[in-house]
Protein backbone atom coordinates (compact mmCIF):
# COMPACT_ATOMS: atom_id res chain seq x y z
CA UNK A 1 15.46 -55.18 -76.48
CA UNK A 2 17.70 -52.27 -77.26
CA UNK A 3 16.97 -49.75 -80.04
CA UNK A 4 19.90 -48.98 -82.25
CA UNK A 5 21.34 -45.50 -82.39
CA UNK A 6 20.54 -44.84 -86.08
CA UNK A 7 16.91 -45.82 -85.48
CA UNK A 8 16.68 -43.55 -82.44
CA UNK A 9 17.97 -40.60 -84.44
CA UNK A 10 15.51 -41.29 -87.20
CA UNK A 11 12.54 -41.50 -84.82
CA UNK A 12 13.58 -38.27 -83.13
CA UNK A 13 13.36 -36.50 -86.46
CA UNK A 14 10.34 -38.22 -87.95
CA UNK A 15 7.95 -37.97 -84.96
CA UNK A 16 8.06 -34.16 -84.51
CA UNK A 17 7.93 -33.63 -88.27
CA UNK A 18 4.90 -35.94 -88.53
CA UNK A 19 3.05 -34.10 -85.79
CA UNK A 20 3.80 -30.74 -87.39
CA UNK A 21 2.72 -31.97 -90.78
CA UNK A 22 -0.48 -33.58 -89.66
CA UNK A 23 -1.68 -31.16 -86.89
CA UNK A 24 -0.25 -27.68 -86.90
CA UNK A 25 1.22 -27.15 -90.34
CA UNK A 26 -1.76 -24.98 -91.36
CA UNK A 27 -2.26 -23.14 -88.06
CA UNK A 28 -1.44 -19.43 -87.82
CA UNK A 29 -0.08 -18.49 -84.38
CA UNK A 30 0.99 -14.98 -85.28
CA UNK A 31 -2.09 -13.30 -86.74
CA UNK A 32 -4.53 -12.14 -83.97
CA UNK A 33 -8.17 -13.37 -84.26
CA UNK A 34 -10.83 -11.05 -85.61
CA UNK A 35 -13.49 -9.49 -83.40
CA UNK A 36 -16.15 -11.75 -84.95
CA UNK A 37 -14.07 -14.79 -84.14
CA UNK A 38 -13.66 -13.64 -80.53
CA UNK A 39 -17.44 -13.16 -80.22
CA UNK A 40 -18.03 -16.73 -81.39
CA UNK A 41 -15.45 -18.02 -78.94
CA UNK A 42 -17.12 -16.09 -76.05
CA UNK A 43 -20.57 -17.49 -76.90
CA UNK A 44 -19.26 -21.06 -77.01
CA UNK A 45 -17.45 -20.56 -73.73
CA UNK A 46 -20.50 -19.12 -71.93
CA UNK A 47 -22.71 -21.93 -73.30
CA UNK A 48 -20.32 -24.55 -71.98
CA UNK A 49 -20.23 -23.09 -68.45
CA UNK A 50 -22.89 -24.15 -65.83
CA UNK A 51 -25.52 -21.48 -65.01
CA UNK A 52 -26.52 -21.53 -61.28
CA UNK A 53 -30.16 -20.72 -60.46
CA UNK A 54 -30.55 -17.14 -59.30
CA UNK A 55 -32.19 -17.03 -55.85
CA UNK A 56 -34.49 -14.14 -54.89
CA UNK A 57 -32.94 -11.74 -52.41
CA UNK A 58 -33.60 -12.62 -48.77
CA UNK A 59 -33.92 -10.27 -45.86
CA UNK A 60 -31.11 -10.33 -43.42
CA UNK A 61 -31.94 -12.38 -40.32
CA UNK A 62 -33.18 -10.33 -37.40
CA UNK A 63 -30.75 -10.10 -34.58
CA UNK A 64 -32.36 -10.30 -31.14
CA UNK A 65 -31.71 -7.17 -29.11
CA UNK A 66 -29.28 -7.65 -26.28
CA UNK A 67 -30.93 -8.64 -23.02
CA UNK A 68 -31.13 -5.82 -20.54
CA UNK A 69 -29.19 -6.34 -17.39
CA UNK A 70 -31.49 -7.33 -14.50
CA UNK A 71 -32.39 -4.39 -12.32
CA UNK A 72 -31.00 -4.51 -8.83
CA UNK A 73 -33.62 -3.53 -6.21
CA UNK A 74 -32.59 -0.67 -4.02
CA UNK A 75 -31.62 -1.82 -0.55
CA UNK A 76 -34.02 -1.04 2.30
CA UNK A 77 -33.12 1.92 4.46
CA UNK A 78 -30.59 0.98 7.09
CA UNK A 79 -31.97 0.23 10.52
CA UNK A 80 -30.01 0.72 13.69
CA UNK A 81 -28.66 -2.76 14.53
CA UNK A 82 -29.65 -2.07 18.12
CA UNK A 83 -33.36 -1.92 17.20
CA UNK A 84 -35.10 -5.26 17.67
CA UNK A 85 -38.78 -6.16 17.55
CA UNK A 86 -38.45 -8.60 20.40
CA UNK A 87 -41.31 -10.74 21.65
CA UNK A 88 -44.69 -9.26 20.76
CA UNK A 89 -47.49 -9.43 23.31
CA UNK A 90 -50.76 -10.83 21.92
CA UNK A 91 -52.78 -8.21 23.84
CA UNK A 92 -50.55 -5.14 24.21
CA UNK A 93 -51.56 -2.33 26.53
CA UNK A 94 -52.05 1.26 25.47
CA UNK A 95 -48.76 2.19 27.15
CA UNK A 96 -46.73 -0.43 25.24
CA UNK A 97 -43.18 0.78 24.42
CA UNK A 98 -43.38 3.60 26.98
CA UNK A 99 -40.35 2.04 28.69
CA UNK A 100 -38.34 2.76 25.51
CA UNK A 101 -39.00 6.51 25.67
CA UNK A 102 -35.57 7.24 27.23
CA UNK A 103 -33.97 5.99 24.00
CA UNK A 104 -35.53 8.93 22.16
CA UNK A 105 -37.83 9.60 19.25
CA UNK A 106 -35.41 8.33 16.60
CA UNK A 107 -35.19 4.89 18.21
CA UNK A 108 -38.98 4.60 18.45
CA UNK A 109 -39.39 5.74 14.84
CA UNK A 110 -37.03 3.01 13.64
CA UNK A 111 -38.84 0.45 15.79
CA UNK A 112 -42.24 1.56 14.47
CA UNK A 113 -40.96 1.39 10.86
CA UNK A 114 -39.56 -2.10 11.44
CA UNK A 115 -42.87 -3.26 12.93
CA UNK A 116 -44.83 -1.79 10.03
CA UNK A 117 -42.53 -3.46 7.48
CA UNK A 118 -43.10 -6.75 9.29
CA UNK A 119 -46.89 -6.33 9.04
CA UNK A 120 -47.33 -5.79 12.78
CA UNK A 121 -49.61 -2.78 12.37
CA UNK A 122 -51.16 -2.86 15.84
CA UNK A 123 -47.75 -2.74 17.54
CA UNK A 124 -46.45 -0.28 14.95
CA UNK A 125 -49.18 2.26 15.77
CA UNK A 126 -48.38 1.94 19.47
CA UNK A 127 -44.71 2.70 18.76
CA UNK A 128 -45.66 5.67 16.56
CA UNK A 129 -47.92 6.97 19.34
CA UNK A 130 -45.06 6.74 21.85
CA UNK A 131 -43.05 9.05 19.59
CA UNK A 132 -45.72 11.70 20.15
CA UNK A 133 -46.75 11.23 23.78
CA UNK A 134 -43.59 9.87 25.42
CA UNK A 135 -40.72 11.78 23.77
CA UNK A 136 -39.96 15.29 22.55
CA UNK A 137 -39.73 14.76 18.79
CA UNK A 138 -38.44 17.26 16.27
CA UNK A 139 -41.17 18.77 14.04
CA UNK A 140 -40.23 16.52 11.12
CA UNK A 141 -40.29 13.44 13.36
CA UNK A 142 -43.69 14.41 14.77
CA UNK A 143 -45.07 14.92 11.25
CA UNK A 144 -43.78 11.49 10.23
CA UNK A 145 -45.42 9.87 13.26
CA UNK A 146 -48.78 11.59 12.67
CA UNK A 147 -48.77 10.61 8.99
CA UNK A 148 -48.07 6.99 9.93
CA UNK A 149 -50.88 6.95 12.50
CA UNK A 150 -53.29 8.42 9.96
CA UNK A 151 -52.18 5.75 7.47
CA UNK A 152 -52.36 2.75 9.79
CA UNK A 153 -55.27 3.47 12.14
CA UNK A 154 -57.94 2.68 9.46
CA UNK A 155 -56.41 -0.81 9.13
CA UNK A 156 -57.10 -1.58 12.79
CA UNK A 157 -60.34 -2.24 14.63
CA UNK A 158 -61.46 0.14 17.35
CA UNK A 159 -59.35 -0.25 20.46
CA UNK A 160 -62.51 -0.72 22.51
CA UNK A 161 -65.54 -2.21 20.80
CA UNK A 162 -67.53 -2.81 23.99
CA UNK A 163 -69.59 0.28 24.93
CA UNK A 164 -69.94 -1.05 28.48
CA UNK A 165 -66.18 -0.65 29.00
CA UNK A 166 -65.99 2.86 27.53
CA UNK A 167 -65.17 5.79 29.81
CA UNK A 168 -68.22 8.08 30.17
CA UNK A 169 -67.78 11.71 29.18
CA UNK A 170 -70.42 14.42 28.98
CA UNK A 171 -70.14 17.22 26.47
CA UNK A 172 -71.96 20.18 28.01
CA UNK A 173 -73.04 23.49 26.52
CA UNK A 174 -74.82 26.56 27.79
CA UNK A 175 -76.35 28.42 24.87
CA UNK A 176 -78.49 31.39 23.99
CA UNK A 177 -82.10 30.59 23.19
CA UNK A 178 -81.66 31.35 19.48
CA UNK A 179 -79.24 28.44 18.94
CA UNK A 180 -81.35 25.50 20.10
CA UNK A 181 -81.57 23.56 16.84
CA UNK A 182 -78.17 24.28 15.28
CA UNK A 183 -76.12 23.70 18.44
CA UNK A 184 -77.89 20.42 19.21
CA UNK A 185 -76.96 18.92 15.84
CA UNK A 186 -73.37 20.19 16.07
CA UNK A 187 -72.86 18.77 19.58
CA UNK A 188 -74.32 15.38 18.69
CA UNK A 189 -71.97 15.11 15.72
CA UNK A 190 -69.03 16.27 17.86
CA UNK A 191 -69.81 13.54 20.41
CA UNK A 192 -69.61 10.91 17.68
CA UNK A 193 -66.35 12.40 16.39
CA UNK A 194 -64.78 12.30 19.86
CA UNK A 195 -65.70 8.64 20.26
CA UNK A 196 -64.20 7.89 16.87
CA UNK A 197 -61.01 9.85 17.61
CA UNK A 198 -60.59 7.95 20.89
CA UNK A 199 -61.03 4.59 19.11
CA UNK A 200 -64.00 3.72 21.28
CA UNK A 201 -62.22 4.46 24.57
CA UNK A 202 -64.70 7.23 25.39
CA UNK A 203 -68.47 7.14 25.45
CA UNK A 204 -69.59 10.72 24.87
CA UNK A 205 -73.08 12.06 25.55
CA UNK A 206 -74.36 15.62 25.32
CA UNK A 207 -76.25 17.90 27.66
CA UNK A 208 -77.45 21.36 26.66
CA UNK A 209 -78.88 24.09 28.87
CA UNK A 210 -80.42 27.31 27.65
CA UNK A 211 -79.43 30.55 29.27
CA UNK A 212 -81.93 33.23 28.33
CA UNK A 213 -79.68 35.90 29.78
CA UNK A 214 -76.84 35.04 27.42
CA UNK A 215 -75.92 37.33 24.58
CA UNK A 216 -77.33 36.37 21.17
CA UNK A 217 -75.53 33.39 19.56
CA UNK A 218 -73.31 32.90 22.64
CA UNK A 219 -72.02 29.41 23.56
CA UNK A 220 -70.22 28.15 26.68
CA UNK A 221 -68.59 24.75 26.15
CA UNK A 222 -66.96 22.29 28.62
CA UNK A 223 -66.56 18.58 29.36
CA UNK A 224 -67.20 16.55 32.51
CA UNK A 225 -67.05 12.94 33.61
CA UNK A 226 -70.07 10.71 33.85
CA UNK A 227 -70.48 10.91 37.63
CA UNK A 228 -72.62 13.73 39.15
CA UNK A 229 -69.70 15.35 40.99
CA UNK A 230 -66.94 14.49 38.54
CA UNK A 231 -64.16 16.95 37.59
CA UNK A 232 -64.71 19.44 34.80
CA UNK A 233 -62.51 21.01 32.17
CA UNK A 234 -62.13 24.71 31.62
CA UNK A 235 -64.96 26.50 29.85
CA UNK A 236 -64.54 28.03 26.41
CA UNK A 237 -66.93 30.74 25.33
CA UNK A 238 -67.49 31.85 21.75
CA UNK A 239 -70.08 33.50 19.56
CA UNK A 240 -71.58 31.78 16.54
CA UNK A 241 -71.18 34.11 13.58
CA UNK A 242 -71.71 31.56 10.79
CA UNK A 243 -74.01 28.68 11.75
CA UNK A 244 -72.72 26.56 8.86
CA UNK A 245 -69.24 26.61 10.48
CA UNK A 246 -70.57 25.57 13.89
CA UNK A 247 -69.57 21.83 13.65
CA UNK A 248 -65.99 22.76 12.80
CA UNK A 249 -65.85 25.46 15.47
CA UNK A 250 -67.08 23.04 18.13
CA UNK A 251 -64.40 20.46 17.24
CA UNK A 252 -61.69 23.13 17.39
CA UNK A 253 -62.86 24.15 20.86
CA UNK A 254 -62.94 20.51 21.99
CA UNK A 255 -59.37 20.01 20.82
CA UNK A 256 -58.28 22.99 22.90
CA UNK A 257 -60.23 21.80 25.96
CA UNK A 258 -58.75 18.30 25.70
CA UNK A 259 -55.19 19.60 25.24
CA UNK A 260 -55.47 21.89 28.27
CA UNK A 261 -56.89 19.14 30.46
CA UNK A 262 -54.14 16.72 29.43
CA UNK A 263 -51.55 19.38 30.19
CA UNK A 264 -52.72 19.31 33.81
CA UNK A 265 -52.60 15.54 34.31
CA UNK A 266 -49.87 14.26 32.02
CA UNK A 267 -46.21 14.30 33.04
CA UNK A 268 -45.13 13.72 29.44
CA UNK A 269 -44.88 15.80 26.28
CA UNK A 270 -47.63 18.43 25.83
CA UNK A 271 -50.08 18.20 22.95
CA UNK A 272 -48.83 20.41 20.10
CA UNK A 273 -51.38 22.94 18.82
CA UNK A 274 -53.16 22.16 15.57
CA UNK A 275 -52.13 24.00 12.42
CA UNK A 276 -54.36 26.85 11.28
CA UNK A 277 -55.61 24.98 8.18
CA UNK A 278 -55.63 21.51 9.75
CA UNK A 279 -59.05 19.80 9.90
CA UNK A 280 -59.96 19.59 13.58
CA UNK A 281 -61.03 15.93 13.37
CA UNK A 282 -57.63 15.06 11.94
CA UNK A 283 -55.97 16.87 14.84
CA UNK A 284 -58.12 14.97 17.36
CA UNK A 285 -57.20 11.62 15.74
CA UNK A 286 -53.46 12.10 15.17
CA UNK A 287 -52.21 14.65 17.71
CA UNK A 288 -53.94 13.04 20.69
CA UNK A 289 -52.97 9.38 21.07
CA UNK A 290 -55.23 6.66 22.38
CA UNK A 291 -53.25 6.55 25.62
CA UNK A 292 -53.91 10.28 26.02
CA UNK A 293 -57.62 9.76 25.43
CA UNK A 294 -57.63 7.13 28.15
CA UNK A 295 -55.83 9.47 30.54
CA UNK A 296 -58.20 12.27 29.60
CA UNK A 297 -61.27 10.17 30.33
CA UNK A 298 -59.92 8.92 33.62
CA UNK A 299 -59.00 12.44 34.72
CA UNK A 300 -62.65 13.48 34.47
CA UNK A 301 -64.08 10.52 36.35
CA UNK A 302 -64.04 9.84 40.08
CA UNK A 303 -63.04 7.14 40.79
CA UNK A 304 -60.99 6.67 37.58
CA UNK A 305 -62.67 4.36 35.12
CA UNK A 306 -60.89 1.10 34.24
CA UNK A 307 -60.63 -0.49 30.87
C-alpha cells in the first residue's frame, strides 16, 4: 500500500514536532548544571557501578635462584703414555723394578704414582724405593720418594714377619764402667728401632763389654753378623755428654755405620746423609730402603743369609 505524498509531508512535520512537544520542550541544553547537581549525578553514577572486593596485598612470589653450573673436576696430572703398570707379581721381590732403573728417576716416580693411585701400595713402595736406591734422583725427586715411603709404609705389613727368616745382626758396644745402665737401655731400644726400620728383615741383638781403661763416658759402637767370625763395620767412638740424648745419639751413629757399610758393598746410588734436624729413626726408615737393609745384613754374615 502506498502512502500519498500529502500524507508523507504531514507526517514528516507532525512527528518531530510531537516529540519536541512531549519530551524536550522544557529541557535547557544551554545553561550548565550547578555544582550541587553535578554532585548528585556523581553519587548516582558511583552507586550504579559495581564495586570489586579489595584483596589484601600479596607478597611477590619467590624466584628460585639460578642453579649453579656443575663444577668440573680437575683432570689428573698427565702420566707419560709410555708408563704402564703391566702384570703385577703376587709375591714381588725386594728388587722389583730394578730393571727399570735405566729409564731414570722420573719414569719410576710416574710408575710409583700410578701404582699408588690404583691402590697397589705394596708395588708402589717398591717403585718409590727404586727411585732412591737404583737411580740418581734430583733432591726434589728424592724428597718426594721419601715422603711417599713414609706415607705408605704404615699401610703395609712387615716385609718379614717370621723371626726365623730374619738376618742376624749384633749391635756391639765397648763402654766405660760409668755407663752400664744408661747404655744398655739405649742399645736395646736401638736394636728394636733397627728391626722396625728394616721391616723385620734384620734380627738385632746387643752385646756390651766394659772397658775399665776407657775414658769416662766413652763409647765405641759397631755392628757384626751373627756368626762368630762374621764381618764387622767400622767403629764409631763418641763421648756421652748428655745421658738423656743417648738414644738419639746411638741411632745417629747407627745410621752412619749402616751408610758406610752399604757404600762398600753396593754398586748403586750412595745413601744420602741425614739432615741436621731430621729424626734419626725417620732417616733409617726412609733413606735406607728394605733392599738396602737386606744387602746390609747379608754383607755382615758369612755365608750370606737367605730370605
